């Protein structure tokens, strides 16, 4: 399920001008095309 969520997030961010820099199983790191600020986005299941 997390993979599907990340696909949606990455597509939306790309449309908004963000570039995916890195990621792993539960995290993606992105940067906006016009800035030098990086953002970490995490997805985790709530128990």
C-alpha atoms as a PDB file:
ATOM      1  CA  UNK A   1       0.000   0.000   0.000  1.00  0.00           C
ATOM      2  CA  UNK A   2       2.812   2.432   0.835  1.00  0.00           C
ATOM      3  CA  UNK A   3       4.195   2.025  -2.681  1.00  0.00           C
ATOM      4  CA  UNK A   4       0.886   3.152  -4.184  1.00  0.00           C
ATOM      5  CA  UNK A   5       0.745   6.128  -1.829  1.00  0.00           C
ATOM      6  CA  UNK A   6       4.266   7.206  -2.803  1.00  0.00           C
ATOM      7  CA  UNK A   7       3.406   6.969  -6.510  1.00  0.00           C
ATOM      8  CA  UNK A   8       0.511   9.375  -5.960  1.00  0.00           C
ATOM      9  CA  UNK A   9       2.612  11.730  -3.827  1.00  0.00           C
ATOM     10  CA  UNK A  10       5.508  11.750  -6.306  1.00  0.00           C
ATOM     11  CA  UNK A  11       3.186  12.459  -9.248  1.00  0.00           C
ATOM     12  CA  UNK A  12       1.506  15.348  -7.432  1.00  0.00           C
ATOM     13  CA  UNK A  13       4.852  16.821  -6.350  1.00  0.00           C
ATOM     14  CA  UNK A  14       6.243  16.596  -9.884  1.00  0.00           C
ATOM     15  CA  UNK A  15       3.242  18.527 -11.187  1.00  0.00           C
ATOM     16  CA  UNK A  16       3.879  21.181  -8.522  1.00  0.00           C
ATOM     17  CA  UNK A  17       7.529  21.608  -9.555  1.00  0.00           C
ATOM     18  CA  UNK A  18       9.275  19.362  -7.012  1.00  0.00           C
ATOM     19  CA  UNK A  19      12.079  16.959  -7.842  1.00  0.00           C
ATOM     20  CA  UNK A  20      12.457  13.651  -6.009  1.00  0.00           C
ATOM     21  CA  UNK A  21      16.030  13.432  -4.731  1.00  0.00           C
ATOM     22  CA  UNK A  22      16.014  10.184  -2.775  1.00  0.00           C
ATOM     23  CA  UNK A  23      13.841   7.822  -0.826  1.00  0.00           C
ATOM     24  CA  UNK A  24      13.415   4.406   0.730  1.00  0.00           C
ATOM     25  CA  UNK A  25      10.567   2.206   1.953  1.00  0.00           C
ATOM     26  CA  UNK A  26       8.770   4.881   3.979  1.00  0.00           C
ATOM     27  CA  UNK A  27      10.452   8.188   3.091  1.00  0.00           C
ATOM     28  CA  UNK A  28      10.874  10.403   0.058  1.00  0.00           C
ATOM     29  CA  UNK A  29      13.124  13.481  -0.075  1.00  0.00           C
ATOM     30  CA  UNK A  30      12.152  16.257  -2.478  1.00  0.00           C
ATOM     31  CA  UNK A  31      13.315  19.723  -3.536  1.00  0.00           C
ATOM     32  CA  UNK A  32      11.367  22.483  -5.252  1.00  0.00           C
ATOM     33  CA  UNK A  33      12.837  23.476  -8.597  1.00  0.00           C
ATOM     34  CA  UNK A  34      13.246  27.139  -7.609  1.00  0.00           C
ATOM     35  CA  UNK A  35      14.676  26.668  -4.118  1.00  0.00           C
ATOM     36  CA  UNK A  36      17.410  24.978  -2.176  1.00  0.00           C
ATOM     37  CA  UNK A  37      15.193  23.663   0.600  1.00  0.00           C
ATOM     38  CA  UNK A  38      14.793  19.899   0.867  1.00  0.00           C
ATOM     39  CA  UNK A  39      11.762  18.234   2.413  1.00  0.00           C
ATOM     40  CA  UNK A  40      11.410  14.764   3.875  1.00  0.00           C
ATOM     41  CA  UNK A  41       8.001  13.136   3.529  1.00  0.00           C
ATOM     42  CA  UNK A  42       7.257  10.015   5.558  1.00  0.00           C
ATOM     43  CA  UNK A  43       4.385   7.576   5.262  1.00  0.00           C
ATOM     44  CA  UNK A  44       3.745   5.100   8.047  1.00  0.00           C
ATOM     45  CA  UNK A  45       0.865   2.892   9.033  1.00  0.00           C
ATOM     46  CA  UNK A  46      -1.067   3.893  12.153  1.00  0.00           C
ATOM     47  CA  UNK A  47      -1.735   0.989  14.474  1.00  0.00           C
END
